[in-house]
Amino acid sequence: MTTYCRVAILECDIPIEPIISRHGRYKEIFSNLLGPALETKLDDATILSFTIRLIPGPTSSMPSFLLETVGYCRLQHKVILLAIPEHDEFADEDWILELVDYV
């Protein structure tokens, strides 16, 4: 029986141009770095896939849109990666704290 290991990449920003030209955008970066490692942990009947979801930003609606997207991704994906280069999970912003609690 085939199973799936789906990885969602929530792209809230894009890398700077030197990174894009050398490594690509976040989907390419994460799939190239994590793909080989994850595949060694999966059995032969499991298919690994990466999907990108673009998050508009920075806007005042970004936090609520991001939480809705994470909620959807939790139902469809086993792994959720957040690509938010100018923020981190340790920031003291309300929406980041809410997102970390939610995930």
N, C-alpha and C. Protein backbone atom coordinates (compact mmCIF):
# COMPACT_ATOMS: atom_id res chain seq x y z
N MET A 1 0.84 -1.18 0.00
CA MET A 1 0.00 0.00 0.00
C MET A 1 0.89 1.25 0.00
N THR A 2 0.59 2.17 -0.87
CA THR A 2 1.36 3.40 -0.98
C THR A 2 0.89 4.40 0.07
N THR A 3 1.84 5.01 0.77
CA THR A 3 1.55 6.09 1.70
C THR A 3 2.34 7.31 1.26
N TYR A 4 2.00 8.45 1.83
CA TYR A 4 2.64 9.70 1.43
C TYR A 4 3.21 10.43 2.64
N CYS A 5 4.35 11.01 2.44
CA CYS A 5 4.93 11.93 3.42
C CYS A 5 4.96 13.29 2.73
N ARG A 6 3.97 14.11 3.04
CA ARG A 6 3.84 15.41 2.39
C ARG A 6 4.45 16.49 3.28
N VAL A 7 5.29 17.30 2.66
CA VAL A 7 5.95 18.40 3.36
C VAL A 7 5.42 19.71 2.78
N ALA A 8 4.84 20.55 3.63
CA ALA A 8 4.36 21.86 3.20
C ALA A 8 5.41 22.91 3.57
N ILE A 9 5.73 23.74 2.60
CA ILE A 9 6.64 24.85 2.84
C ILE A 9 5.81 26.13 2.71
N LEU A 10 5.68 26.85 3.81
CA LEU A 10 4.94 28.10 3.80
C LEU A 10 5.92 29.22 3.56
N GLU A 11 5.90 29.75 2.36
CA GLU A 11 6.87 30.75 1.94
C GLU A 11 6.31 32.14 2.22
N CYS A 12 6.82 32.74 3.29
CA CYS A 12 6.36 34.06 3.72
C CYS A 12 7.26 35.18 3.21
N ASP A 13 8.32 34.83 2.59
CA ASP A 13 9.27 35.79 2.03
C ASP A 13 10.10 35.02 1.02
N ILE A 14 10.88 35.71 0.23
CA ILE A 14 11.75 35.02 -0.72
C ILE A 14 13.21 35.25 -0.32
N PRO A 15 14.07 34.31 -0.65
CA PRO A 15 15.49 34.51 -0.35
C PRO A 15 16.06 35.67 -1.17
N ILE A 16 17.20 36.16 -0.74
CA ILE A 16 17.85 37.22 -1.51
C ILE A 16 18.42 36.65 -2.80
N GLU A 17 18.65 37.50 -3.78
CA GLU A 17 19.03 37.08 -5.12
C GLU A 17 20.25 36.15 -5.16
N PRO A 18 21.33 36.43 -4.42
CA PRO A 18 22.47 35.49 -4.49
C PRO A 18 22.10 34.07 -4.05
N ILE A 19 21.19 33.94 -3.11
CA ILE A 19 20.74 32.61 -2.66
C ILE A 19 19.89 31.97 -3.74
N ILE A 20 18.98 32.74 -4.33
CA ILE A 20 18.12 32.20 -5.39
C ILE A 20 18.96 31.70 -6.56
N SER A 21 19.92 32.50 -6.99
CA SER A 21 20.72 32.09 -8.15
C SER A 21 21.59 30.87 -7.85
N ARG A 22 21.97 30.69 -6.61
CA ARG A 22 22.84 29.55 -6.27
C ARG A 22 22.05 28.30 -5.84
N HIS A 23 20.97 28.50 -5.07
CA HIS A 23 20.25 27.37 -4.48
C HIS A 23 18.78 27.29 -4.87
N GLY A 24 18.23 28.33 -5.48
CA GLY A 24 16.81 28.35 -5.81
C GLY A 24 15.99 28.98 -4.70
N ARG A 25 14.68 28.86 -4.84
CA ARG A 25 13.78 29.37 -3.80
C ARG A 25 13.62 28.31 -2.72
N TYR A 26 12.74 28.57 -1.75
CA TYR A 26 12.66 27.69 -0.59
C TYR A 26 12.29 26.25 -0.92
N LYS A 27 11.43 26.04 -1.91
CA LYS A 27 11.07 24.66 -2.26
C LYS A 27 12.31 23.88 -2.69
N GLU A 28 13.13 24.48 -3.53
CA GLU A 28 14.34 23.80 -3.98
C GLU A 28 15.34 23.63 -2.83
N ILE A 29 15.48 24.67 -2.03
CA ILE A 29 16.42 24.60 -0.90
C ILE A 29 16.04 23.47 0.05
N PHE A 30 14.79 23.46 0.50
CA PHE A 30 14.36 22.45 1.47
C PHE A 30 14.33 21.05 0.86
N SER A 31 13.85 20.93 -0.36
CA SER A 31 13.78 19.58 -0.95
C SER A 31 15.17 19.03 -1.22
N ASN A 32 16.12 19.89 -1.60
CA ASN A 32 17.49 19.42 -1.82
C ASN A 32 18.21 19.08 -0.51
N LEU A 33 17.94 19.83 0.54
CA LEU A 33 18.60 19.56 1.82
C LEU A 33 17.92 18.45 2.61
N LEU A 34 16.59 18.49 2.68
CA LEU A 34 15.87 17.53 3.51
C LEU A 34 15.44 16.27 2.77
N GLY A 35 15.21 16.38 1.48
CA GLY A 35 14.71 15.24 0.71
C GLY A 35 15.54 13.98 0.87
N PRO A 36 16.85 14.04 0.60
CA PRO A 36 17.66 12.83 0.73
C PRO A 36 17.66 12.24 2.15
N ALA A 37 17.68 13.10 3.16
CA ALA A 37 17.68 12.61 4.55
C ALA A 37 16.33 11.97 4.89
N LEU A 38 15.23 12.60 4.48
CA LEU A 38 13.91 12.03 4.77
C LEU A 38 13.71 10.71 4.04
N GLU A 39 14.18 10.64 2.81
CA GLU A 39 13.97 9.42 2.02
C GLU A 39 14.67 8.22 2.66
N THR A 40 15.77 8.42 3.36
CA THR A 40 16.44 7.29 4.02
C THR A 40 15.62 6.75 5.18
N LYS A 41 14.68 7.54 5.71
CA LYS A 41 13.85 7.13 6.84
C LYS A 41 12.51 6.53 6.41
N LEU A 42 12.19 6.65 5.13
CA LEU A 42 10.90 6.17 4.64
C LEU A 42 11.03 4.79 4.03
N ASP A 43 9.96 4.01 4.11
CA ASP A 43 10.01 2.70 3.45
C ASP A 43 9.75 2.86 1.96
N ASP A 44 9.94 1.79 1.22
CA ASP A 44 9.83 1.86 -0.24
C ASP A 44 8.43 2.21 -0.74
N ALA A 45 7.43 1.99 0.09
CA ALA A 45 6.05 2.25 -0.32
C ALA A 45 5.61 3.68 -0.01
N THR A 46 6.50 4.49 0.54
CA THR A 46 6.14 5.86 0.91
C THR A 46 6.71 6.85 -0.11
N ILE A 47 5.86 7.73 -0.57
CA ILE A 47 6.26 8.74 -1.55
C ILE A 47 6.42 10.08 -0.83
N LEU A 48 7.57 10.71 -1.03
CA LEU A 48 7.87 12.01 -0.43
C LEU A 48 7.52 13.10 -1.41
N SER A 49 6.79 14.12 -0.95
CA SER A 49 6.48 15.25 -1.83
C SER A 49 6.58 16.56 -1.06
N PHE A 50 7.01 17.58 -1.76
CA PHE A 50 7.12 18.93 -1.21
C PHE A 50 6.16 19.83 -1.97
N THR A 51 5.38 20.62 -1.23
CA THR A 51 4.50 21.61 -1.86
C THR A 51 4.78 22.97 -1.24
N ILE A 52 4.61 23.98 -2.04
CA ILE A 52 4.86 25.35 -1.59
C ILE A 52 3.53 26.06 -1.48
N ARG A 53 3.36 26.83 -0.43
CA ARG A 53 2.18 27.68 -0.29
C ARG A 53 2.70 29.09 -0.04
N LEU A 54 2.35 29.98 -0.93
CA LEU A 54 2.80 31.36 -0.82
C LEU A 54 1.93 32.11 0.17
N ILE A 55 2.58 32.78 1.10
CA ILE A 55 1.89 33.57 2.12
C ILE A 55 2.12 35.04 1.81
N PRO A 56 1.06 35.82 1.57
CA PRO A 56 1.25 37.23 1.27
C PRO A 56 1.79 37.98 2.48
N GLY A 57 2.64 38.90 2.24
CA GLY A 57 3.16 39.64 3.39
C GLY A 57 4.10 40.72 2.93
N PRO A 58 4.56 41.52 3.79
CA PRO A 58 3.99 41.65 5.14
C PRO A 58 2.75 42.53 5.10
N THR A 59 1.67 42.03 5.61
CA THR A 59 0.43 42.80 5.70
C THR A 59 -0.19 42.53 7.06
N SER A 60 -1.18 43.31 7.40
CA SER A 60 -1.85 43.10 8.68
C SER A 60 -2.64 41.80 8.69
N SER A 61 -2.99 41.27 7.49
CA SER A 61 -3.75 40.02 7.44
C SER A 61 -2.85 38.79 7.41
N MET A 62 -1.54 38.99 7.33
CA MET A 62 -0.63 37.85 7.26
C MET A 62 -0.80 36.88 8.42
N PRO A 63 -0.85 37.34 9.68
CA PRO A 63 -0.99 36.38 10.78
C PRO A 63 -2.22 35.49 10.68
N SER A 64 -3.38 36.07 10.39
CA SER A 64 -4.60 35.25 10.33
C SER A 64 -4.56 34.33 9.12
N PHE A 65 -4.07 34.82 7.99
CA PHE A 65 -3.96 33.97 6.79
C PHE A 65 -2.99 32.83 7.04
N LEU A 66 -1.89 33.11 7.72
CA LEU A 66 -0.90 32.09 8.03
C LEU A 66 -1.49 31.02 8.95
N LEU A 67 -2.24 31.43 9.96
CA LEU A 67 -2.86 30.46 10.86
C LEU A 67 -3.88 29.59 10.13
N GLU A 68 -4.66 30.19 9.24
CA GLU A 68 -5.62 29.41 8.45
C GLU A 68 -4.89 28.40 7.56
N THR A 69 -3.80 28.83 6.95
CA THR A 69 -3.03 27.96 6.07
C THR A 69 -2.40 26.82 6.86
N VAL A 70 -1.85 27.12 8.02
CA VAL A 70 -1.28 26.08 8.87
C VAL A 70 -2.37 25.09 9.27
N GLY A 71 -3.55 25.58 9.59
CA GLY A 71 -4.65 24.69 9.93
C GLY A 71 -4.98 23.74 8.81
N TYR A 72 -5.03 24.24 7.59
CA TYR A 72 -5.28 23.39 6.42
C TYR A 72 -4.13 22.40 6.23
N CYS A 73 -2.90 22.88 6.34
CA CYS A 73 -1.74 22.02 6.10
C CYS A 73 -1.63 20.91 7.13
N ARG A 74 -2.07 21.18 8.35
CA ARG A 74 -2.01 20.14 9.38
C ARG A 74 -2.86 18.94 9.00
N LEU A 75 -3.91 19.15 8.24
CA LEU A 75 -4.77 18.04 7.81
C LEU A 75 -4.16 17.27 6.64
N GLN A 76 -3.38 17.94 5.81
CA GLN A 76 -2.90 17.35 4.56
C GLN A 76 -1.43 16.93 4.57
N HIS A 77 -0.65 17.45 5.50
CA HIS A 77 0.80 17.25 5.47
C HIS A 77 1.32 16.71 6.80
N LYS A 78 2.41 15.97 6.72
CA LYS A 78 3.06 15.46 7.94
C LYS A 78 4.07 16.44 8.49
N VAL A 79 4.60 17.31 7.63
CA VAL A 79 5.64 18.26 8.03
C VAL A 79 5.25 19.64 7.50
N ILE A 80 5.42 20.66 8.33
CA ILE A 80 5.18 22.05 7.91
C ILE A 80 6.45 22.84 8.19
N LEU A 81 7.00 23.45 7.15
CA LEU A 81 8.17 24.30 7.30
C LEU A 81 7.77 25.75 7.05
N LEU A 82 8.19 26.63 7.92
CA LEU A 82 7.92 28.05 7.74
C LEU A 82 9.18 28.74 7.25
N ALA A 83 9.07 29.43 6.14
CA ALA A 83 10.19 30.19 5.60
C ALA A 83 9.90 31.67 5.83
N ILE A 84 10.33 32.15 7.00
CA ILE A 84 10.11 33.54 7.40
C ILE A 84 11.47 34.10 7.83
N PRO A 85 12.28 34.54 6.89
CA PRO A 85 13.64 34.92 7.23
C PRO A 85 13.78 36.09 8.18
N GLU A 86 12.83 37.01 8.15
CA GLU A 86 13.00 38.19 9.01
C GLU A 86 12.39 38.00 10.39
N HIS A 87 11.78 36.85 10.66
CA HIS A 87 11.19 36.55 11.95
C HIS A 87 11.69 35.19 12.40
N ASP A 88 11.53 34.89 13.67
CA ASP A 88 11.82 33.55 14.14
C ASP A 88 10.85 33.18 15.25
N GLU A 89 10.87 31.91 15.62
CA GLU A 89 9.90 31.43 16.60
C GLU A 89 10.15 31.97 18.00
N PHE A 90 11.28 32.63 18.21
CA PHE A 90 11.58 33.19 19.51
C PHE A 90 11.22 34.67 19.62
N ALA A 91 10.74 35.24 18.52
CA ALA A 91 10.36 36.65 18.53
C ALA A 91 9.17 36.84 19.47
N ASP A 92 9.09 38.02 20.02
CA ASP A 92 8.06 38.31 21.03
C ASP A 92 6.84 38.97 20.40
N GLU A 93 6.51 38.60 19.17
CA GLU A 93 5.35 39.17 18.51
C GLU A 93 4.16 38.25 18.74
N ASP A 94 3.00 38.85 18.99
CA ASP A 94 1.81 38.06 19.34
C ASP A 94 1.49 36.98 18.31
N TRP A 95 1.55 37.33 17.01
CA TRP A 95 1.16 36.36 16.00
C TRP A 95 2.14 35.19 15.92
N ILE A 96 3.41 35.42 16.20
CA ILE A 96 4.39 34.33 16.19
C ILE A 96 4.14 33.42 17.40
N LEU A 97 3.89 34.02 18.56
CA LEU A 97 3.60 33.21 19.75
C LEU A 97 2.35 32.37 19.55
N GLU A 98 1.33 32.96 18.92
CA GLU A 98 0.09 32.23 18.65
C GLU A 98 0.35 31.11 17.67
N LEU A 99 1.14 31.35 16.64
CA LEU A 99 1.46 30.33 15.65
C LEU A 99 2.25 29.18 16.28
N VAL A 100 3.24 29.49 17.10
CA VAL A 100 4.04 28.46 17.76
C VAL A 100 3.15 27.61 18.68
N ASP A 101 2.25 28.25 19.42
CA ASP A 101 1.33 27.50 20.28
C ASP A 101 0.41 26.60 19.45
N TYR A 102 -0.02 27.10 18.31
CA TYR A 102 -0.94 26.36 17.46
C TYR A 102 -0.29 25.13 16.84
N VAL A 103 0.94 25.31 16.39
CA VAL A 103 1.66 24.21 15.74
C VAL A 103 2.12 23.24 16.79
